[in-house]
Structures are given as C-alpha cells and as structure tokens.
C-alpha atoms as a PDB file:
ATOM      1  CA  UNK A   1      -2.405  -2.196 -15.882  1.00  0.00           C
ATOM      2  CA  UNK A   2      -1.056  -0.084 -13.043  1.00  0.00           C
ATOM      3  CA  UNK A   3      -2.833   0.160  -9.719  1.00  0.00           C
ATOM      4  CA  UNK A   4      -2.504   3.156  -7.434  1.00  0.00           C
ATOM      5  CA  UNK A   5      -3.406   1.269  -4.249  1.00  0.00           C
ATOM      6  CA  UNK A   6      -1.082  -1.551  -3.217  1.00  0.00           C
ATOM      7  CA  UNK A   7      -2.324  -4.826  -1.783  1.00  0.00           C
ATOM      8  CA  UNK A   8      -0.509  -6.122   1.271  1.00  0.00           C
ATOM      9  CA  UNK A   9      -0.009  -9.886   1.354  1.00  0.00           C
ATOM     10  CA  UNK A  10       1.004 -11.602   4.569  1.00  0.00           C
ATOM     11  CA  UNK A  11       1.836 -15.276   4.923  1.00  0.00           C
ATOM     12  CA  UNK A  12       3.034 -17.876   7.380  1.00  0.00           C
ATOM     13  CA  UNK A  13       6.740 -18.231   6.647  1.00  0.00           C
ATOM     14  CA  UNK A  14       6.799 -21.815   7.903  1.00  0.00           C
ATOM     15  CA  UNK A  15       3.780 -23.104   5.981  1.00  0.00           C
ATOM     16  CA  UNK A  16       3.398 -20.763   3.004  1.00  0.00           C
ATOM     17  CA  UNK A  17       6.954 -20.044   1.858  1.00  0.00           C
ATOM     18  CA  UNK A  18       6.238 -22.030  -1.320  1.00  0.00           C
ATOM     19  CA  UNK A  19       3.591 -19.446  -2.311  1.00  0.00           C
ATOM     20  CA  UNK A  20       6.052 -16.585  -1.805  1.00  0.00           C
ATOM     21  CA  UNK A  21       8.579 -18.395  -4.017  1.00  0.00           C
ATOM     22  CA  UNK A  22       5.902 -18.722  -6.719  1.00  0.00           C
ATOM     23  CA  UNK A  23       5.242 -14.975  -6.526  1.00  0.00           C
ATOM     24  CA  UNK A  24       8.967 -14.233  -6.796  1.00  0.00           C
ATOM     25  CA  UNK A  25       9.150 -16.488  -9.851  1.00  0.00           C
ATOM     26  CA  UNK A  26       6.175 -14.788 -11.508  1.00  0.00           C
ATOM     27  CA  UNK A  27       7.733 -11.410 -10.766  1.00  0.00           C
ATOM     28  CA  UNK A  28      11.006 -12.458 -12.417  1.00  0.00           C
ATOM     29  CA  UNK A  29       9.366 -14.031 -15.473  1.00  0.00           C
ATOM     30  CA  UNK A  30       9.142 -12.087 -18.720  1.00  0.00           C
ATOM     31  CA  UNK A  31       6.192 -14.302 -19.733  1.00  0.00           C
ATOM     32  CA  UNK A  32       3.950 -13.473 -16.760  1.00  0.00           C
ATOM     33  CA  UNK A  33       2.398 -10.056 -16.173  1.00  0.00           C
ATOM     34  CA  UNK A  34       2.886  -9.896 -12.410  1.00  0.00           C
ATOM     35  CA  UNK A  35       4.743  -7.322 -10.335  1.00  0.00           C
ATOM     36  CA  UNK A  36       5.168  -6.885  -6.626  1.00  0.00           C
ATOM     37  CA  UNK A  37       7.428  -5.095  -4.185  1.00  0.00           C
ATOM     38  CA  UNK A  38       8.511  -6.350  -0.796  1.00  0.00           C
ATOM     39  CA  UNK A  39       7.002  -3.994   1.804  1.00  0.00           C
ATOM     40  CA  UNK A  40      10.172  -4.312   3.874  1.00  0.00           C
ATOM     41  CA  UNK A  41      12.094  -2.809   0.963  1.00  0.00           C
ATOM     42  CA  UNK A  42       9.643   0.105   0.773  1.00  0.00           C
ATOM     43  CA  UNK A  43       9.501   1.091   4.450  1.00  0.00           C
ATOM     44  CA  UNK A  44      11.498   0.179   7.543  1.00  0.00           C
ATOM     45  CA  UNK A  45       8.995  -1.560   9.808  1.00  0.00           C
ATOM     46  CA  UNK A  46      11.331  -2.248  12.738  1.00  0.00           C
ATOM     47  CA  UNK A  47      10.044   0.624  14.868  1.00  0.00           C
ATOM     48  CA  UNK A  48       6.431  -0.597  14.480  1.00  0.00           C
ATOM     49  CA  UNK A  49       7.116  -4.302  14.960  1.00  0.00           C
ATOM     50  CA  UNK A  50       5.529  -5.980  17.923  1.00  0.00           C
ATOM     51  CA  UNK A  51       6.817  -8.862  19.974  1.00  0.00           C
ATOM     52  CA  UNK A  52       5.224 -12.174  18.972  1.00  0.00           C
ATOM     53  CA  UNK A  53       4.349 -12.851  22.603  1.00  0.00           C
END
C-alpha cells in the first residue's frame, strides 16, 4: 500500500539508535513490507537547522 503523506520520525540518536537500525533492517529485508526514506536524503535541512542551545 502506498501512502501519499509521509510520516516524519524523529529519535534521540544516543538512546534510540537501536530503533533506527531496526527500521533500516526492515527496509532492507525482502520478507518485510516496510519502506522509508531518510528525510536528509530528500531535502537539505542545513539552512533550517537551529543551534541546540
């Protein structure tokens, strides 16, 4: 099933990197119907990024 509206997923890179690795594995698997695209690959976000402070 294709969706026209993407869902943006954000995570804590220090605490939740394991979940991102699971998603990458699902995306690569031929046995799991799961697709995602990295938003950073779709659009350059550097000009909109804000300082963490």
